[in-house]
N, C-alpha and C. Protein backbone atom coordinates (compact mmCIF):
# COMPACT_ATOMS: atom_id res chain seq x y z
N THR A 1 33.08 15.90 -8.44
CA THR A 1 33.57 17.18 -7.95
C THR A 1 34.89 17.47 -8.65
N THR A 2 34.99 18.70 -9.13
CA THR A 2 36.21 19.16 -9.80
C THR A 2 37.06 19.98 -8.83
N THR A 3 38.33 19.72 -8.79
CA THR A 3 39.23 20.46 -7.93
C THR A 3 40.11 21.35 -8.81
N THR A 4 40.19 22.62 -8.44
CA THR A 4 41.02 23.57 -9.21
C THR A 4 42.26 23.91 -8.36
N THR A 5 43.41 23.77 -8.95
CA THR A 5 44.63 24.13 -8.27
C THR A 5 44.99 25.57 -8.59
N THR A 6 45.27 26.36 -7.55
CA THR A 6 45.61 27.76 -7.73
C THR A 6 47.09 27.89 -8.00
N THR A 7 47.42 28.63 -9.02
CA THR A 7 48.85 28.92 -9.31
C THR A 7 49.02 30.43 -9.49
N THR A 8 50.22 30.87 -9.33
CA THR A 8 50.51 32.30 -9.48
C THR A 8 50.32 32.78 -10.92
N THR A 9 50.28 31.85 -11.88
CA THR A 9 50.06 32.27 -13.29
C THR A 9 48.64 32.70 -13.52
N GLN A 10 47.76 32.53 -12.54
CA GLN A 10 46.35 32.93 -12.68
C GLN A 10 46.12 34.37 -12.23
N GLN A 11 47.15 35.16 -12.04
CA GLN A 11 47.10 36.55 -11.68
C GLN A 11 46.25 36.84 -10.44
N PRO A 12 46.75 36.47 -9.25
CA PRO A 12 45.99 36.64 -8.02
C PRO A 12 45.60 38.08 -7.74
N GLN A 13 46.31 39.07 -8.29
CA GLN A 13 45.94 40.47 -8.04
C GLN A 13 44.60 40.83 -8.64
N LYS A 14 44.08 40.01 -9.57
CA LYS A 14 42.79 40.27 -10.18
C LYS A 14 41.64 39.55 -9.49
N TRP A 15 41.93 38.71 -8.49
CA TRP A 15 40.93 37.97 -7.79
C TRP A 15 40.19 38.85 -6.78
N SER A 16 39.06 38.37 -6.32
CA SER A 16 38.36 39.04 -5.22
C SER A 16 39.23 38.94 -3.96
N TRP A 17 38.96 39.80 -3.00
CA TRP A 17 39.75 39.76 -1.77
C TRP A 17 39.61 38.39 -1.08
N GLU A 18 38.39 37.82 -1.06
CA GLU A 18 38.23 36.53 -0.41
C GLU A 18 39.11 35.44 -1.03
N LYS A 19 39.16 35.44 -2.37
CA LYS A 19 39.99 34.44 -3.07
C LYS A 19 41.48 34.70 -2.79
N ARG A 20 41.88 35.98 -2.80
CA ARG A 20 43.29 36.31 -2.52
C ARG A 20 43.67 35.94 -1.09
N LEU A 21 42.77 36.20 -0.17
CA LEU A 21 43.01 35.85 1.23
C LEU A 21 43.21 34.34 1.37
N GLU A 22 42.37 33.56 0.73
CA GLU A 22 42.49 32.11 0.76
C GLU A 22 43.85 31.66 0.21
N TRP A 23 44.26 32.27 -0.89
CA TRP A 23 45.54 31.92 -1.55
C TRP A 23 46.72 32.32 -0.63
N ILE A 24 46.63 33.52 -0.04
CA ILE A 24 47.70 33.98 0.87
C ILE A 24 47.83 33.01 2.04
N LEU A 25 46.72 32.64 2.65
CA LEU A 25 46.76 31.74 3.81
C LEU A 25 47.27 30.37 3.42
N GLU A 26 46.86 29.84 2.29
CA GLU A 26 47.36 28.56 1.81
C GLU A 26 48.89 28.61 1.64
N THR A 27 49.36 29.71 1.07
CA THR A 27 50.79 29.87 0.83
C THR A 27 51.55 29.91 2.16
N ILE A 28 51.06 30.67 3.12
CA ILE A 28 51.72 30.80 4.43
C ILE A 28 51.70 29.47 5.15
N VAL A 29 50.55 28.82 5.21
CA VAL A 29 50.45 27.55 5.93
C VAL A 29 51.37 26.51 5.27
N HIS A 30 51.42 26.49 3.97
CA HIS A 30 52.30 25.52 3.27
C HIS A 30 53.76 25.80 3.54
N ALA A 31 54.15 27.08 3.67
CA ALA A 31 55.52 27.43 3.94
C ALA A 31 55.92 27.06 5.37
N ASN A 32 54.94 26.98 6.27
CA ASN A 32 55.21 26.62 7.67
C ASN A 32 56.26 27.52 8.30
N ALA A 33 56.19 28.82 8.00
CA ALA A 33 57.17 29.78 8.52
C ALA A 33 56.90 30.08 9.99
N ASP A 34 57.99 30.33 10.73
CA ASP A 34 57.86 30.71 12.14
C ASP A 34 57.46 32.20 12.25
N VAL A 35 57.94 33.02 11.33
CA VAL A 35 57.65 34.45 11.32
C VAL A 35 57.21 34.82 9.90
N VAL A 36 56.16 35.62 9.86
CA VAL A 36 55.62 36.06 8.54
C VAL A 36 55.47 37.56 8.60
N CYS A 37 55.98 38.28 7.59
CA CYS A 37 55.83 39.72 7.47
C CYS A 37 55.14 40.04 6.19
N LEU A 38 54.08 40.83 6.24
CA LEU A 38 53.32 41.25 5.07
C LEU A 38 53.30 42.76 5.02
N GLN A 39 53.56 43.30 3.83
CA GLN A 39 53.52 44.77 3.67
C GLN A 39 52.28 45.15 2.86
N GLU A 40 51.93 46.43 2.97
CA GLU A 40 50.79 47.00 2.27
C GLU A 40 49.49 46.27 2.60
N VAL A 41 49.33 45.98 3.89
CA VAL A 41 48.10 45.35 4.41
C VAL A 41 47.15 46.46 4.80
N GLU A 42 45.90 46.37 4.33
CA GLU A 42 44.92 47.36 4.75
C GLU A 42 44.59 47.12 6.23
N TYR A 43 44.59 48.21 6.97
CA TYR A 43 44.39 48.16 8.43
C TYR A 43 43.13 47.39 8.79
N GLU A 44 42.02 47.68 8.15
CA GLU A 44 40.76 47.00 8.43
C GLU A 44 40.86 45.52 8.14
N SER A 45 41.49 45.15 7.04
CA SER A 45 41.60 43.73 6.65
C SER A 45 42.45 42.96 7.65
N TYR A 46 43.43 43.65 8.22
CA TYR A 46 44.27 42.99 9.22
C TYR A 46 43.40 42.52 10.39
N HIS A 47 42.56 43.44 10.91
CA HIS A 47 41.74 43.12 12.08
C HIS A 47 40.57 42.18 11.79
N THR A 48 39.96 42.35 10.62
CA THR A 48 38.76 41.57 10.35
C THR A 48 39.04 40.23 9.67
N ASP A 49 40.14 40.14 8.91
CA ASP A 49 40.41 38.95 8.12
C ASP A 49 41.70 38.23 8.49
N LEU A 50 42.82 38.96 8.38
CA LEU A 50 44.13 38.32 8.53
C LEU A 50 44.40 37.81 9.94
N LEU A 51 44.23 38.67 10.92
CA LEU A 51 44.58 38.28 12.29
C LEU A 51 43.72 37.08 12.76
N PRO A 52 42.42 37.09 12.59
CA PRO A 52 41.62 35.93 13.00
C PRO A 52 42.03 34.64 12.26
N ALA A 53 42.29 34.77 10.96
CA ALA A 53 42.68 33.59 10.16
C ALA A 53 44.03 33.06 10.62
N MET A 54 44.99 33.97 10.84
CA MET A 54 46.33 33.53 11.28
C MET A 54 46.26 32.91 12.68
N GLN A 55 45.40 33.45 13.56
CA GLN A 55 45.28 32.90 14.89
C GLN A 55 44.73 31.45 14.80
N ARG A 56 43.84 31.19 13.86
CA ARG A 56 43.34 29.83 13.69
C ARG A 56 44.47 28.86 13.28
N HIS A 57 45.52 29.39 12.70
CA HIS A 57 46.65 28.58 12.27
C HIS A 57 47.82 28.62 13.25
N GLY A 58 47.58 29.16 14.46
CA GLY A 58 48.61 29.13 15.49
C GLY A 58 49.56 30.33 15.53
N TYR A 59 49.14 31.43 14.89
CA TYR A 59 49.98 32.63 14.88
C TYR A 59 49.33 33.72 15.70
N GLU A 60 50.16 34.67 16.15
CA GLU A 60 49.70 35.92 16.73
C GLU A 60 50.35 37.02 15.94
N GLY A 61 49.82 38.24 16.00
CA GLY A 61 50.39 39.29 15.15
C GLY A 61 50.23 40.69 15.69
N VAL A 62 50.98 41.59 15.07
CA VAL A 62 50.89 43.03 15.35
C VAL A 62 51.00 43.77 14.03
N VAL A 63 50.59 45.04 14.03
CA VAL A 63 50.79 45.88 12.87
C VAL A 63 51.68 47.06 13.20
N GLN A 64 52.38 47.55 12.21
CA GLN A 64 53.19 48.74 12.31
C GLN A 64 52.88 49.55 11.07
N GLY A 65 52.82 50.87 11.24
CA GLY A 65 52.62 51.69 10.05
C GLY A 65 52.10 53.07 10.37
N GLY A 66 52.40 53.97 9.47
CA GLY A 66 51.98 55.35 9.67
C GLY A 66 52.57 55.90 10.96
N HIS A 67 51.80 56.77 11.56
CA HIS A 67 52.24 57.38 12.80
C HIS A 67 51.24 57.02 13.89
N GLY A 68 50.86 55.75 13.93
CA GLY A 68 49.97 55.28 14.96
C GLY A 68 48.53 55.22 14.48
N VAL A 69 47.66 54.85 15.41
CA VAL A 69 46.26 54.66 15.09
C VAL A 69 45.61 55.97 14.66
N ARG A 70 46.00 57.09 15.23
CA ARG A 70 45.40 58.37 14.81
C ARG A 70 45.72 58.66 13.35
N ASP A 71 46.91 58.40 12.89
CA ASP A 71 47.26 58.59 11.50
C ASP A 71 46.43 57.69 10.61
N ILE A 72 46.22 56.47 11.02
CA ILE A 72 45.40 55.54 10.25
C ILE A 72 43.98 56.04 10.16
N GLN A 73 43.44 56.51 11.29
CA GLN A 73 42.08 57.05 11.29
C GLN A 73 41.98 58.29 10.40
N ARG A 74 42.99 59.14 10.42
CA ARG A 74 42.99 60.36 9.59
C ARG A 74 42.99 59.98 8.12
N ARG A 75 43.82 59.01 7.75
CA ARG A 75 43.86 58.58 6.34
C ARG A 75 42.54 57.95 5.91
N LYS A 76 41.94 57.16 6.78
CA LYS A 76 40.65 56.56 6.45
C LYS A 76 39.58 57.65 6.29
N ALA A 77 39.61 58.66 7.15
CA ALA A 77 38.64 59.72 7.07
C ALA A 77 38.72 60.48 5.76
N LYS A 78 39.93 60.56 5.19
CA LYS A 78 40.16 61.22 3.92
C LYS A 78 39.98 60.27 2.74
N ALA A 79 39.43 59.08 3.00
CA ALA A 79 39.22 58.05 1.99
C ALA A 79 40.52 57.57 1.38
N GLU A 80 41.61 57.68 2.11
CA GLU A 80 42.89 57.15 1.69
C GLU A 80 43.05 55.77 2.26
N ARG A 81 43.76 54.94 1.56
CA ARG A 81 44.01 53.60 2.06
C ARG A 81 44.97 53.66 3.25
N ALA A 82 44.64 52.91 4.26
CA ALA A 82 45.42 52.87 5.48
C ALA A 82 46.25 51.60 5.48
N HIS A 83 47.38 51.63 4.80
CA HIS A 83 48.24 50.44 4.73
C HIS A 83 49.22 50.38 5.89
N VAL A 84 49.42 49.15 6.35
CA VAL A 84 50.35 48.91 7.47
C VAL A 84 51.21 47.69 7.11
N VAL A 85 52.17 47.45 7.94
CA VAL A 85 52.98 46.23 7.84
C VAL A 85 52.49 45.30 8.96
N ALA A 86 52.22 44.05 8.61
CA ALA A 86 51.75 43.08 9.59
C ALA A 86 52.86 42.06 9.82
N THR A 87 53.12 41.77 11.10
CA THR A 87 54.09 40.76 11.46
C THR A 87 53.38 39.70 12.30
N PHE A 88 53.53 38.44 11.91
CA PHE A 88 52.93 37.32 12.62
C PHE A 88 54.03 36.35 13.06
N TRP A 89 53.81 35.69 14.18
CA TRP A 89 54.77 34.70 14.64
C TRP A 89 53.98 33.48 15.21
N LYS A 90 54.61 32.33 15.13
CA LYS A 90 54.00 31.12 15.67
C LYS A 90 54.07 31.20 17.20
N THR A 91 52.92 31.07 17.79
CA THR A 91 52.87 31.13 19.27
C THR A 91 53.54 29.90 19.89
N SER A 92 53.68 28.83 19.17
CA SER A 92 54.36 27.63 19.69
C SER A 92 55.88 27.82 19.73
N ARG A 93 56.37 28.84 19.02
CA ARG A 93 57.84 29.06 18.93
C ARG A 93 58.31 30.33 19.62
N PHE A 94 57.43 31.35 19.68
CA PHE A 94 57.86 32.65 20.19
C PHE A 94 56.86 33.22 21.16
N GLN A 95 57.33 33.99 22.10
CA GLN A 95 56.50 34.78 23.00
C GLN A 95 57.01 36.21 22.94
N PRO A 96 56.15 37.17 22.73
CA PRO A 96 56.64 38.56 22.66
C PRO A 96 57.16 39.02 24.02
N VAL A 97 58.25 39.74 23.98
CA VAL A 97 58.81 40.34 25.18
C VAL A 97 58.10 41.66 25.45
N ALA A 98 57.91 42.43 24.36
CA ALA A 98 57.21 43.69 24.44
C ALA A 98 56.70 44.04 23.06
N ILE A 99 55.53 44.59 23.02
CA ILE A 99 54.95 45.07 21.76
C ILE A 99 54.78 46.57 21.89
N ILE A 100 55.49 47.30 21.04
CA ILE A 100 55.46 48.76 21.15
C ILE A 100 54.52 49.31 20.11
């Protein structure tokens, strides 16, 4: 079995989303950060990919962006990308006081 080590010199922006997601998660888990903020996250990817993956690693998260869910739905309806900012925190270290 051959093992390939991923490095940033391999231009992750050209990888498939699945490969980039794997690389992003490996980087986050390796950093062992208490709080993680990601920008330009696609709204759908947050819910279907990032949040479930981060929860498996002991994080919880929220998104901020646009002018709420209606704005995101409007942008999606116009075939525009619905980018948001995603914030994750380790549930073992933090408890949200309020999520607005």
